């Protein structure tokens, strides 16, 4: 199950820099994850200071 970034994102960029497949990009109000490219590694969640990336349900 791919990860998604919720509205608690503070746009710090830590997740984008950590993603091994480059599927995270900056959007207008938060960072977003391309679910079709996400390899479900959890690297983004591990570095996020606010816990915004979570597995999609």
PDB file of N, CA and C in Angstrom:
ATOM      1  N   UNK A   1       0.841  -1.170   0.000  1.00  0.00           N
ATOM      2  CA  UNK A   1       0.000   0.000   0.000  1.00  0.00           C
ATOM      3  C   UNK A   1       0.891   1.239   0.000  1.00  0.00           C
ATOM      4  N   UNK A   2       0.693   2.109  -0.938  1.00  0.00           N
ATOM      5  CA  UNK A   2       1.501   3.325  -1.094  1.00  0.00           C
ATOM      6  C   UNK A   2       1.286   4.278   0.080  1.00  0.00           C
ATOM      7  N   UNK A   3       2.238   5.156   0.254  1.00  0.00           N
ATOM      8  CA  UNK A   3       2.123   6.181   1.286  1.00  0.00           C
ATOM      9  C   UNK A   3       1.445   7.416   0.702  1.00  0.00           C
ATOM     10  N   UNK A   4       0.826   8.192   1.586  1.00  0.00           N
ATOM     11  CA  UNK A   4       0.229   9.480   1.220  1.00  0.00           C
ATOM     12  C   UNK A   4       0.588  10.470   2.319  1.00  0.00           C
ATOM     13  N   UNK A   5       0.659  11.733   1.957  1.00  0.00           N
ATOM     14  CA  UNK A   5       1.008  12.785   2.912  1.00  0.00           C
ATOM     15  C   UNK A   5      -0.260  13.529   3.287  1.00  0.00           C
ATOM     16  N   UNK A   6      -0.520  13.594   4.599  1.00  0.00           N
ATOM     17  CA  UNK A   6      -1.751  14.253   5.045  1.00  0.00           C
ATOM     18  C   UNK A   6      -1.541  15.764   5.232  1.00  0.00           C
ATOM     19  N   UNK A   7      -2.591  16.433   5.665  1.00  0.00           N
ATOM     20  CA  UNK A   7      -2.577  17.899   5.767  1.00  0.00           C
ATOM     21  C   UNK A   7      -1.704  18.448   6.894  1.00  0.00           C
ATOM     22  N   UNK A   8      -1.104  17.581   7.702  1.00  0.00           N
ATOM     23  CA  UNK A   8      -0.214  18.085   8.749  1.00  0.00           C
ATOM     24  C   UNK A   8       1.164  18.447   8.199  1.00  0.00           C
ATOM     25  N   UNK A   9       1.397  18.200   6.910  1.00  0.00           N
ATOM     26  CA  UNK A   9       2.669  18.513   6.245  1.00  0.00           C
ATOM     27  C   UNK A   9       3.031  19.986   6.425  1.00  0.00           C
ATOM     28  N   UNK A  10       4.287  20.224   6.819  1.00  0.00           N
ATOM     29  CA  UNK A  10       4.761  21.602   7.011  1.00  0.00           C
ATOM     30  C   UNK A  10       5.710  22.043   5.880  1.00  0.00           C
ATOM     31  N   UNK A  11       5.792  21.242   4.821  1.00  0.00           N
ATOM     32  CA  UNK A  11       6.599  21.544   3.638  1.00  0.00           C
ATOM     33  C   UNK A  11       8.071  21.786   3.961  1.00  0.00           C
ATOM     34  N   UNK A  12       8.631  20.933   4.819  1.00  0.00           N
ATOM     35  CA  UNK A  12      10.047  21.085   5.160  1.00  0.00           C
ATOM     36  C   UNK A  12      10.969  20.458   4.113  1.00  0.00           C
ATOM     37  N   UNK A  13      10.450  19.504   3.326  1.00  0.00           N
ATOM     38  CA  UNK A  13      11.236  18.882   2.269  1.00  0.00           C
ATOM     39  C   UNK A  13      12.051  17.675   2.687  1.00  0.00           C
ATOM     40  N   UNK A  14      12.011  17.304   3.953  1.00  0.00           N
ATOM     41  CA  UNK A  14      12.798  16.154   4.417  1.00  0.00           C
ATOM     42  C   UNK A  14      12.409  14.882   3.691  1.00  0.00           C
ATOM     43  N   UNK A  15      11.141  14.681   3.459  1.00  0.00           N
ATOM     44  CA  UNK A  15      10.666  13.457   2.800  1.00  0.00           C
ATOM     45  C   UNK A  15      11.124  13.380   1.352  1.00  0.00           C
ATOM     46  N   UNK A  16      11.059  14.491   0.656  1.00  0.00           N
ATOM     47  CA  UNK A  16      11.456  14.501  -0.760  1.00  0.00           C
ATOM     48  C   UNK A  16      12.917  14.099  -0.914  1.00  0.00           C
ATOM     49  N   UNK A  17      13.761  14.625  -0.053  1.00  0.00           N
ATOM     50  CA  UNK A  17      15.185  14.335  -0.127  1.00  0.00           C
ATOM     51  C   UNK A  17      15.493  12.878   0.213  1.00  0.00           C
ATOM     52  N   UNK A  18      14.662  12.249   1.020  1.00  0.00           N
ATOM     53  CA  UNK A  18      14.912  10.887   1.481  1.00  0.00           C
ATOM     54  C   UNK A  18      14.339   9.810   0.566  1.00  0.00           C
ATOM     55  N   UNK A  19      13.394  10.142  -0.281  1.00  0.00           N
ATOM     56  CA  UNK A  19      12.721   9.144  -1.121  1.00  0.00           C
ATOM     57  C   UNK A  19      13.702   8.511  -2.124  1.00  0.00           C
ATOM     58  N   UNK A  20      13.884   7.188  -2.065  1.00  0.00           N
ATOM     59  CA  UNK A  20      14.859   6.547  -2.953  1.00  0.00           C
ATOM     60  C   UNK A  20      14.423   6.453  -4.416  1.00  0.00           C
ATOM     61  N   UNK A  21      13.129   6.633  -4.684  1.00  0.00           N
ATOM     62  CA  UNK A  21      12.643   6.541  -6.064  1.00  0.00           C
ATOM     63  C   UNK A  21      12.150   7.880  -6.610  1.00  0.00           C
ATOM     64  N   UNK A  22      12.266   8.946  -5.839  1.00  0.00           N
ATOM     65  CA  UNK A  22      11.905  10.276  -6.308  1.00  0.00           C
ATOM     66  C   UNK A  22      10.431  10.476  -6.603  1.00  0.00           C
ATOM     67  N   UNK A  23       9.564   9.834  -5.838  1.00  0.00           N
ATOM     68  CA  UNK A  23       8.127   9.951  -6.125  1.00  0.00           C
ATOM     69  C   UNK A  23       7.433  11.033  -5.314  1.00  0.00           C
ATOM     70  N   UNK A  24       8.197  11.834  -4.570  1.00  0.00           N
ATOM     71  CA  UNK A  24       7.613  12.908  -3.759  1.00  0.00           C
ATOM     72  C   UNK A  24       7.937  14.245  -4.406  1.00  0.00           C
ATOM     73  N   UNK A  25       6.912  15.096  -4.514  1.00  0.00           N
ATOM     74  CA  UNK A  25       7.119  16.420  -5.102  1.00  0.00           C
ATOM     75  C   UNK A  25       6.345  17.459  -4.313  1.00  0.00           C
ATOM     76  N   UNK A  26       6.774  18.699  -4.451  1.00  0.00           N
ATOM     77  CA  UNK A  26       6.139  19.803  -3.752  1.00  0.00           C
ATOM     78  C   UNK A  26       4.906  20.258  -4.517  1.00  0.00           C
ATOM     79  N   UNK A  27       3.790  20.351  -3.803  1.00  0.00           N
ATOM     80  CA  UNK A  27       2.554  20.893  -4.363  1.00  0.00           C
ATOM     81  C   UNK A  27       2.298  22.243  -3.691  1.00  0.00           C
ATOM     82  N   UNK A  28       1.167  22.822  -3.946  1.00  0.00           N
ATOM     83  CA  UNK A  28       0.908  24.166  -3.440  1.00  0.00           C
ATOM     84  C   UNK A  28       0.858  24.239  -1.914  1.00  0.00           C
ATOM     85  N   UNK A  29       0.129  23.326  -1.268  1.00  0.00           N
ATOM     86  CA  UNK A  29      -0.028  23.429   0.179  1.00  0.00           C
ATOM     87  C   UNK A  29       0.735  22.372   0.966  1.00  0.00           C
ATOM     88  N   UNK A  30       1.270  21.349   0.291  1.00  0.00           N
ATOM     89  CA  UNK A  30       2.003  20.285   0.969  1.00  0.00           C
ATOM     90  C   UNK A  30       2.775  19.474  -0.074  1.00  0.00           C
ATOM     91  N   UNK A  31       3.594  18.559   0.394  1.00  0.00           N
ATOM     92  CA  UNK A  31       4.251  17.624  -0.516  1.00  0.00           C
ATOM     93  C   UNK A  31       3.276  16.504  -0.847  1.00  0.00           C
ATOM     94  N   UNK A  32       3.431  15.884  -2.008  1.00  0.00           N
ATOM     95  CA  UNK A  32       2.552  14.796  -2.430  1.00  0.00           C
ATOM     96  C   UNK A  32       3.399  13.623  -2.912  1.00  0.00           C
ATOM     97  N   UNK A  33       2.827  12.430  -2.807  1.00  0.00           N
ATOM     98  CA  UNK A  33       3.498  11.207  -3.230  1.00  0.00           C
ATOM     99  C   UNK A  33       2.750  10.628  -4.424  1.00  0.00           C
ATOM    100  N   UNK A  34       3.489  10.301  -5.484  1.00  0.00           N
ATOM    101  CA  UNK A  34       2.911   9.624  -6.643  1.00  0.00           C
ATOM    102  C   UNK A  34       2.737   8.154  -6.263  1.00  0.00           C
ATOM    103  N   UNK A  35       1.505   7.752  -5.977  1.00  0.00           N
ATOM    104  CA  UNK A  35       1.219   6.405  -5.485  1.00  0.00           C
ATOM    105  C   UNK A  35       1.657   5.324  -6.460  1.00  0.00           C
ATOM    106  N   UNK A  36       1.634   5.609  -7.742  1.00  0.00           N
ATOM    107  CA  UNK A  36       2.017   4.591  -8.725  1.00  0.00           C
ATOM    108  C   UNK A  36       3.527   4.340  -8.745  1.00  0.00           C
ATOM    109  N   UNK A  37       4.305   5.264  -8.188  1.00  0.00           N
ATOM    110  CA  UNK A  37       5.761   5.105  -8.141  1.00  0.00           C
ATOM    111  C   UNK A  37       6.279   4.720  -6.760  1.00  0.00           C
ATOM    112  N   UNK A  38       5.455   4.884  -5.742  1.00  0.00           N
ATOM    113  CA  UNK A  38       5.855   4.607  -4.355  1.00  0.00           C
ATOM    114  C   UNK A  38       6.173   3.123  -4.187  1.00  0.00           C
ATOM    115  N   UNK A  39       7.327   2.825  -3.567  1.00  0.00           N
ATOM    116  CA  UNK A  39       7.738   1.441  -3.328  1.00  0.00           C
ATOM    117  C   UNK A  39       7.460   1.009  -1.882  1.00  0.00           C
ATOM    118  N   UNK A  40       6.728   1.835  -1.160  1.00  0.00           N
ATOM    119  CA  UNK A  40       6.256   1.515   0.193  1.00  0.00           C
ATOM    120  C   UNK A  40       7.385   1.235   1.176  1.00  0.00           C
ATOM    121  N   UNK A  41       8.492   1.937   1.031  1.00  0.00           N
ATOM    122  CA  UNK A  41       9.648   1.691   1.894  1.00  0.00           C
ATOM    123  C   UNK A  41       9.527   2.359   3.264  1.00  0.00           C
ATOM    124  N   UNK A  42       8.756   3.441   3.354  1.00  0.00           N
ATOM    125  CA  UNK A  42       8.578   4.143   4.626  1.00  0.00           C
ATOM    126  C   UNK A  42       9.681   5.122   4.968  1.00  0.00           C
ATOM    127  N   UNK A  43      10.622   5.339   4.056  1.00  0.00           N
ATOM    128  CA  UNK A  43      11.724   6.267   4.327  1.00  0.00           C
ATOM    129  C   UNK A  43      11.199   7.670   4.604  1.00  0.00           C
ATOM    130  N   UNK A  44      10.164   8.078   3.892  1.00  0.00           N
ATOM    131  CA  UNK A  44       9.583   9.412   4.093  1.00  0.00           C
ATOM    132  C   UNK A  44       8.996   9.556   5.495  1.00  0.00           C
ATOM    133  N   UNK A  45       8.303   8.536   5.938  1.00  0.00           N
ATOM    134  CA  UNK A  45       7.679   8.571   7.266  1.00  0.00           C
ATOM    135  C   UNK A  45       8.738   8.611   8.363  1.00  0.00           C
ATOM    136  N   UNK A  46       9.850   7.947   8.141  1.00  0.00           N
ATOM    137  CA  UNK A  46      10.902   7.880   9.146  1.00  0.00           C
ATOM    138  C   UNK A  46      11.566   9.228   9.405  1.00  0.00           C
ATOM    139  N   UNK A  47      11.606  10.105   8.402  1.00  0.00           N
ATOM    140  CA  UNK A  47      12.283  11.393   8.573  1.00  0.00           C
ATOM    141  C   UNK A  47      11.337  12.566   8.794  1.00  0.00           C
ATOM    142  N   UNK A  48      10.053  12.372   8.640  1.00  0.00           N
ATOM    143  CA  UNK A  48       9.105  13.483   8.768  1.00  0.00           C
ATOM    144  C   UNK A  48       8.963  13.921  10.229  1.00  0.00           C
ATOM    145  N   UNK A  49       9.201  15.210  10.514  1.00  0.00           N
ATOM    146  CA  UNK A  49       9.099  15.681  11.902  1.00  0.00           C
ATOM    147  C   UNK A  49       7.670  15.764  12.442  1.00  0.00           C
ATOM    148  N   UNK A  50       6.685  15.728  11.562  1.00  0.00           N
ATOM    149  CA  UNK A  50       5.287  15.822  12.021  1.00  0.00           C
ATOM    150  C   UNK A  50       4.463  14.572  11.717  1.00  0.00           C
ATOM    151  N   UNK A  51       5.077  13.544  11.161  1.00  0.00           N
ATOM    152  CA  UNK A  51       4.367  12.293  10.889  1.00  0.00           C
ATOM    153  C   UNK A  51       3.328  12.368   9.800  1.00  0.00           C
ATOM    154  N   UNK A  52       3.540  13.214   8.805  1.00  0.00           N
ATOM    155  CA  UNK A  52       2.544  13.415   7.749  1.00  0.00           C
ATOM    156  C   UNK A  52       2.423  12.254   6.773  1.00  0.00           C
ATOM    157  N   UNK A  53       3.510  11.563   6.385  1.00  0.00           N
ATOM    158  CA  UNK A  53       3.355  10.432   5.466  1.00  0.00           C
ATOM    159  C   UNK A  53       2.826   9.193   6.211  1.00  0.00           C
ATOM    160  N   UNK A  54       1.791   8.593   5.658  1.00  0.00           N
ATOM    161  CA  UNK A  54       1.197   7.399   6.246  1.00  0.00           C
ATOM    162  C   UNK A  54       0.758   6.465   5.139  1.00  0.00           C
ATOM    163  N   UNK A  55       0.710   5.138   5.423  1.00  0.00           N
ATOM    164  CA  UNK A  55       0.203   4.210   4.414  1.00  0.00           C
ATOM    165  C   UNK A  55      -1.242   4.543   4.078  1.00  0.00           C
ATOM    166  N   UNK A  56      -1.566   4.519   2.782  1.00  0.00           N
ATOM    167  CA  UNK A  56      -2.952   4.773   2.367  1.00  0.00           C
ATOM    168  C   UNK A  56      -3.808   3.594   2.786  1.00  0.00           C
ATOM    169  N   UNK A  57      -5.031   3.876   3.126  1.00  0.00           N
ATOM    170  CA  UNK A  57      -5.965   2.807   3.509  1.00  0.00           C
ATOM    171  C   UNK A  57      -6.748   2.329   2.339  1.00  0.00           C
TER     172      UNK A  57
END
